[in-house]
Amino acid sequence: MAIYQSAHWQFRRGMLELLVLLCLLPATFESTMTKTEFYLLIDEVIEAAPGIIIGDESLSAILTWDSLAVIGFISALDKRLQLSVTARALSEARTVQDLVALASARLVG
């Protein structure tokens, strides 16, 4: 009986350690994406066809870049890149390249 209890507690301890590790995974690994994927993310946020954003656009020229798109963009950065941007930094962005600069820490290639 003592051997069973010992094995049972070792199993429970192992499961607890695995649970703790799984909880730490999102904070441990940073997500990244390429610039092309980032442009596609913006396409998705502004509800445009994939490939519309190519990187040289002014945000004022994008008709669907509005307050709802800004909220969607902040949410997408948080969800997909685990990246937080301040409203102030985002309000100062004037071009797609400004948005790229905000996410540059998580963009590769």
N, C-alpha and C. Protein backbone atom coordinates (compact mmCIF):
# COMPACT_ATOMS: atom_id res chain seq x y z
N MET A 1 0.82 -1.19 0.00
CA MET A 1 0.00 0.00 0.00
C MET A 1 0.86 1.26 0.00
N ALA A 2 1.97 1.24 0.71
CA ALA A 2 2.85 2.41 0.78
C ALA A 2 3.46 2.71 -0.59
N ILE A 3 3.78 1.68 -1.34
CA ILE A 3 4.35 1.88 -2.68
C ILE A 3 3.31 2.54 -3.58
N TYR A 4 2.04 2.11 -3.50
CA TYR A 4 0.97 2.70 -4.28
C TYR A 4 0.80 4.17 -3.93
N GLN A 5 0.80 4.50 -2.64
CA GLN A 5 0.63 5.88 -2.22
C GLN A 5 1.79 6.74 -2.70
N SER A 6 2.99 6.21 -2.63
CA SER A 6 4.17 6.95 -3.09
C SER A 6 4.07 7.22 -4.59
N ALA A 7 3.70 6.22 -5.36
CA ALA A 7 3.56 6.40 -6.81
C ALA A 7 2.43 7.37 -7.13
N HIS A 8 1.36 7.29 -6.37
CA HIS A 8 0.22 8.19 -6.56
C HIS A 8 0.65 9.64 -6.33
N TRP A 9 1.38 9.89 -5.26
CA TRP A 9 1.82 11.26 -4.97
C TRP A 9 2.85 11.74 -5.98
N GLN A 10 3.70 10.85 -6.46
CA GLN A 10 4.67 11.24 -7.49
C GLN A 10 3.93 11.62 -8.77
N PHE A 11 2.90 10.86 -9.11
CA PHE A 11 2.10 11.17 -10.28
C PHE A 11 1.42 12.53 -10.12
N ARG A 12 0.82 12.78 -8.96
CA ARG A 12 0.13 14.06 -8.72
C ARG A 12 1.11 15.22 -8.76
N ARG A 13 2.30 15.03 -8.21
CA ARG A 13 3.31 16.09 -8.24
C ARG A 13 3.74 16.37 -9.68
N GLY A 14 3.93 15.30 -10.46
CA GLY A 14 4.30 15.46 -11.86
C GLY A 14 3.22 16.20 -12.64
N MET A 15 1.96 15.89 -12.38
CA MET A 15 0.86 16.57 -13.06
C MET A 15 0.82 18.04 -12.66
N LEU A 16 1.07 18.35 -11.40
CA LEU A 16 1.09 19.73 -10.94
C LEU A 16 2.22 20.50 -11.62
N GLU A 17 3.39 19.88 -11.71
CA GLU A 17 4.52 20.54 -12.38
C GLU A 17 4.20 20.79 -13.85
N LEU A 18 3.54 19.84 -14.52
CA LEU A 18 3.15 20.01 -15.91
C LEU A 18 2.15 21.15 -16.06
N LEU A 19 1.20 21.23 -15.15
CA LEU A 19 0.20 22.29 -15.19
C LEU A 19 0.86 23.66 -15.03
N VAL A 20 1.79 23.77 -14.10
CA VAL A 20 2.50 25.03 -13.90
C VAL A 20 3.28 25.39 -15.16
N LEU A 21 3.94 24.43 -15.77
CA LEU A 21 4.70 24.67 -17.00
C LEU A 21 3.78 25.15 -18.12
N LEU A 22 2.63 24.52 -18.27
CA LEU A 22 1.69 24.91 -19.32
C LEU A 22 1.16 26.32 -19.09
N CYS A 23 0.98 26.70 -17.85
CA CYS A 23 0.53 28.06 -17.54
C CYS A 23 1.59 29.09 -17.88
N LEU A 24 2.84 28.71 -17.80
CA LEU A 24 3.92 29.64 -18.07
C LEU A 24 4.26 29.74 -19.55
N LEU A 25 3.84 28.79 -20.36
CA LEU A 25 4.22 28.78 -21.78
C LEU A 25 3.88 30.06 -22.53
N PRO A 26 2.67 30.59 -22.45
CA PRO A 26 2.39 31.81 -23.21
C PRO A 26 3.31 32.97 -22.84
N ALA A 27 3.69 33.05 -21.59
CA ALA A 27 4.56 34.14 -21.16
C ALA A 27 6.02 33.87 -21.53
N THR A 28 6.35 32.61 -21.76
CA THR A 28 7.73 32.25 -22.02
C THR A 28 8.10 32.46 -23.49
N PHE A 29 7.21 32.10 -24.39
CA PHE A 29 7.50 32.16 -25.81
C PHE A 29 6.85 33.38 -26.44
N GLU A 30 7.63 34.17 -27.13
CA GLU A 30 7.09 35.34 -27.80
C GLU A 30 6.70 34.96 -29.22
N SER A 31 5.60 35.46 -29.67
CA SER A 31 5.16 35.23 -31.03
C SER A 31 5.80 36.25 -31.96
N THR A 32 6.05 35.83 -33.16
CA THR A 32 6.60 36.72 -34.18
C THR A 32 5.83 36.50 -35.47
N MET A 33 6.01 37.43 -36.39
CA MET A 33 5.46 37.28 -37.74
C MET A 33 6.30 38.10 -38.70
N THR A 34 6.18 37.79 -39.96
CA THR A 34 6.89 38.54 -40.99
C THR A 34 6.12 39.81 -41.31
N LYS A 35 6.76 40.72 -42.04
CA LYS A 35 6.06 41.94 -42.46
C LYS A 35 4.87 41.60 -43.34
N THR A 36 5.03 40.63 -44.21
CA THR A 36 3.92 40.22 -45.08
C THR A 36 2.75 39.73 -44.25
N GLU A 37 3.02 38.92 -43.23
CA GLU A 37 1.95 38.45 -42.34
C GLU A 37 1.33 39.63 -41.58
N PHE A 38 2.17 40.59 -41.22
CA PHE A 38 1.68 41.78 -40.52
C PHE A 38 0.74 42.58 -41.42
N TYR A 39 1.11 42.74 -42.69
CA TYR A 39 0.23 43.45 -43.64
C TYR A 39 -1.09 42.70 -43.79
N LEU A 40 -1.04 41.37 -43.81
CA LEU A 40 -2.26 40.57 -43.90
C LEU A 40 -3.11 40.74 -42.64
N LEU A 41 -2.45 40.90 -41.51
CA LEU A 41 -3.16 41.17 -40.26
C LEU A 41 -3.92 42.49 -40.35
N ILE A 42 -3.27 43.50 -40.90
CA ILE A 42 -3.94 44.79 -41.08
C ILE A 42 -5.11 44.65 -42.04
N ASP A 43 -4.90 43.89 -43.15
CA ASP A 43 -6.00 43.61 -44.08
C ASP A 43 -7.20 43.03 -43.33
N GLU A 44 -6.93 42.08 -42.47
CA GLU A 44 -7.99 41.43 -41.71
C GLU A 44 -8.69 42.43 -40.78
N VAL A 45 -7.91 43.25 -40.10
CA VAL A 45 -8.47 44.23 -39.16
C VAL A 45 -9.38 45.23 -39.88
N ILE A 46 -8.97 45.67 -41.06
CA ILE A 46 -9.77 46.66 -41.79
C ILE A 46 -10.81 46.01 -42.70
N GLU A 47 -10.89 44.68 -42.61
CA GLU A 47 -11.85 43.89 -43.38
C GLU A 47 -11.68 44.10 -44.88
N ALA A 48 -10.43 44.06 -45.31
CA ALA A 48 -10.09 44.19 -46.73
C ALA A 48 -9.65 42.83 -47.26
N ALA A 49 -9.66 42.70 -48.56
CA ALA A 49 -9.17 41.47 -49.17
C ALA A 49 -7.68 41.31 -48.88
N PRO A 50 -7.23 40.07 -48.70
CA PRO A 50 -5.81 39.85 -48.45
C PRO A 50 -4.95 40.43 -49.58
N GLY A 51 -3.90 41.13 -49.21
CA GLY A 51 -2.99 41.70 -50.19
C GLY A 51 -3.25 43.16 -50.52
N ILE A 52 -4.28 43.74 -49.94
CA ILE A 52 -4.58 45.15 -50.21
C ILE A 52 -3.49 46.05 -49.62
N ILE A 53 -3.11 45.77 -48.37
CA ILE A 53 -2.06 46.56 -47.72
C ILE A 53 -0.71 46.07 -48.20
N ILE A 54 0.09 46.99 -48.73
CA ILE A 54 1.42 46.61 -49.22
C ILE A 54 2.54 47.32 -48.46
N GLY A 55 2.17 48.23 -47.57
CA GLY A 55 3.16 48.83 -46.70
C GLY A 55 3.44 50.31 -46.89
N ASP A 56 3.02 50.88 -48.01
CA ASP A 56 3.33 52.29 -48.26
C ASP A 56 2.12 53.22 -48.08
N GLU A 57 1.06 52.70 -47.48
CA GLU A 57 -0.18 53.47 -47.35
C GLU A 57 -0.13 54.46 -46.18
N SER A 58 -0.85 55.54 -46.37
CA SER A 58 -1.12 56.47 -45.28
C SER A 58 -2.40 55.98 -44.60
N LEU A 59 -2.44 56.01 -43.28
CA LEU A 59 -3.64 55.53 -42.59
C LEU A 59 -4.87 56.37 -42.93
N SER A 60 -4.67 57.64 -43.20
CA SER A 60 -5.81 58.49 -43.55
C SER A 60 -6.39 58.12 -44.91
N ALA A 61 -5.63 57.46 -45.75
CA ALA A 61 -6.11 57.03 -47.06
C ALA A 61 -6.89 55.71 -46.99
N ILE A 62 -6.81 55.03 -45.87
CA ILE A 62 -7.53 53.77 -45.69
C ILE A 62 -8.90 54.10 -45.10
N LEU A 63 -9.93 54.00 -45.92
CA LEU A 63 -11.27 54.44 -45.52
C LEU A 63 -11.80 53.70 -44.29
N THR A 64 -11.41 52.45 -44.14
CA THR A 64 -11.93 51.66 -43.02
C THR A 64 -11.01 51.70 -41.80
N TRP A 65 -9.97 52.55 -41.82
CA TRP A 65 -9.13 52.72 -40.63
C TRP A 65 -9.84 53.74 -39.73
N ASP A 66 -10.66 53.21 -38.83
CA ASP A 66 -11.45 54.06 -37.94
C ASP A 66 -11.26 53.58 -36.51
N SER A 67 -12.05 54.09 -35.60
CA SER A 67 -11.89 53.73 -34.19
C SER A 67 -12.08 52.24 -33.95
N LEU A 68 -13.00 51.63 -34.68
CA LEU A 68 -13.21 50.19 -34.55
C LEU A 68 -11.99 49.42 -35.04
N ALA A 69 -11.39 49.87 -36.14
CA ALA A 69 -10.18 49.23 -36.65
C ALA A 69 -9.03 49.38 -35.66
N VAL A 70 -8.94 50.53 -35.03
CA VAL A 70 -7.87 50.76 -34.04
C VAL A 70 -8.02 49.77 -32.89
N ILE A 71 -9.24 49.60 -32.39
CA ILE A 71 -9.48 48.65 -31.31
C ILE A 71 -9.15 47.23 -31.77
N GLY A 72 -9.56 46.88 -32.98
CA GLY A 72 -9.25 45.56 -33.53
C GLY A 72 -7.76 45.36 -33.69
N PHE A 73 -7.04 46.40 -34.09
CA PHE A 73 -5.60 46.32 -34.26
C PHE A 73 -4.91 46.10 -32.91
N ILE A 74 -5.32 46.86 -31.90
CA ILE A 74 -4.75 46.69 -30.55
C ILE A 74 -5.00 45.27 -30.06
N SER A 75 -6.21 44.77 -30.26
CA SER A 75 -6.56 43.42 -29.84
C SER A 75 -5.75 42.37 -30.59
N ALA A 76 -5.59 42.56 -31.90
CA ALA A 76 -4.83 41.60 -32.71
C ALA A 76 -3.36 41.56 -32.30
N LEU A 77 -2.78 42.72 -32.02
CA LEU A 77 -1.39 42.75 -31.56
C LEU A 77 -1.24 42.01 -30.24
N ASP A 78 -2.19 42.23 -29.36
CA ASP A 78 -2.14 41.56 -28.06
C ASP A 78 -2.30 40.05 -28.21
N LYS A 79 -3.28 39.64 -29.01
CA LYS A 79 -3.60 38.22 -29.15
C LYS A 79 -2.54 37.46 -29.94
N ARG A 80 -2.11 38.00 -31.05
CA ARG A 80 -1.22 37.26 -31.95
C ARG A 80 0.26 37.47 -31.69
N LEU A 81 0.61 38.64 -31.16
CA LEU A 81 2.02 38.92 -30.93
C LEU A 81 2.35 39.13 -29.45
N GLN A 82 1.35 39.02 -28.59
CA GLN A 82 1.54 39.30 -27.17
C GLN A 82 2.28 40.63 -27.00
N LEU A 83 1.79 41.62 -27.74
CA LEU A 83 2.41 42.94 -27.77
C LEU A 83 1.37 43.99 -27.38
N SER A 84 1.73 44.81 -26.43
CA SER A 84 0.84 45.89 -26.00
C SER A 84 1.35 47.21 -26.56
N VAL A 85 0.44 47.96 -27.14
CA VAL A 85 0.79 49.30 -27.61
C VAL A 85 -0.12 50.29 -26.89
N THR A 86 0.41 51.45 -26.62
CA THR A 86 -0.39 52.46 -25.94
C THR A 86 -1.27 53.18 -26.96
N ALA A 87 -2.37 53.67 -26.49
CA ALA A 87 -3.27 54.44 -27.36
C ALA A 87 -2.55 55.67 -27.88
N ARG A 88 -1.70 56.25 -27.06
CA ARG A 88 -0.96 57.44 -27.48
C ARG A 88 -0.02 57.13 -28.64
N ALA A 89 0.72 56.03 -28.52
CA ALA A 89 1.64 55.64 -29.59
C ALA A 89 0.87 55.36 -30.88
N LEU A 90 -0.26 54.71 -30.74
CA LEU A 90 -1.06 54.39 -31.92
C LEU A 90 -1.68 55.64 -32.53
N SER A 91 -2.06 56.60 -31.70
CA SER A 91 -2.65 57.83 -32.22
C SER A 91 -1.64 58.67 -32.99
N GLU A 92 -0.36 58.47 -32.71
CA GLU A 92 0.69 59.20 -33.41
C GLU A 92 1.07 58.55 -34.74
N ALA A 93 0.60 57.33 -34.98
CA ALA A 93 0.90 56.63 -36.23
C ALA A 93 0.14 57.30 -37.38
N ARG A 94 0.85 57.56 -38.46
CA ARG A 94 0.25 58.19 -39.63
C ARG A 94 0.27 57.29 -40.87
N THR A 95 1.15 56.29 -40.85
CA THR A 95 1.31 55.41 -42.02
C THR A 95 1.35 53.96 -41.56
N VAL A 96 1.22 53.08 -42.52
CA VAL A 96 1.37 51.65 -42.23
C VAL A 96 2.78 51.38 -41.70
N GLN A 97 3.77 52.09 -42.22
CA GLN A 97 5.14 51.90 -41.73
C GLN A 97 5.27 52.32 -40.26
N ASP A 98 4.47 53.29 -39.82
CA ASP A 98 4.45 53.64 -38.40
C ASP A 98 3.92 52.47 -37.57
N LEU A 99 2.92 51.77 -38.10
CA LEU A 99 2.39 50.59 -37.42
C LEU A 99 3.45 49.49 -37.37
N VAL A 100 4.18 49.34 -38.47
CA VAL A 100 5.27 48.37 -38.51
C VAL A 100 6.30 48.70 -37.43
N ALA A 101 6.61 49.98 -37.28
CA ALA A 101 7.58 50.40 -36.26
C ALA A 101 7.09 50.05 -34.86
N LEU A 102 5.79 50.17 -34.62
CA LEU A 102 5.25 49.84 -33.31
C LEU A 102 5.41 48.35 -32.98
N ALA A 103 5.34 47.52 -34.02
CA ALA A 103 5.43 46.07 -33.82
C ALA A 103 6.79 45.51 -34.16
N SER A 104 7.75 46.35 -34.46
CA SER A 104 9.05 45.91 -34.97
C SER A 104 9.78 44.92 -34.05
N ALA A 105 9.51 44.98 -32.76
CA ALA A 105 10.17 44.06 -31.83
C ALA A 105 9.75 42.61 -32.08
N ARG A 106 8.60 42.41 -32.71
CA ARG A 106 8.11 41.05 -32.95
C ARG A 106 8.03 40.67 -34.43
N LEU A 107 8.54 41.55 -35.29
CA LEU A 107 8.54 41.24 -36.72
C LEU A 107 9.89 40.69 -37.13
N VAL A 108 9.86 39.68 -37.96
CA VAL A 108 11.08 39.05 -38.45
C VAL A 108 11.13 39.12 -39.96
N GLY A 109 12.32 39.14 -40.49
CA GLY A 109 12.50 39.10 -41.94
C GLY A 109 12.18 40.34 -42.69
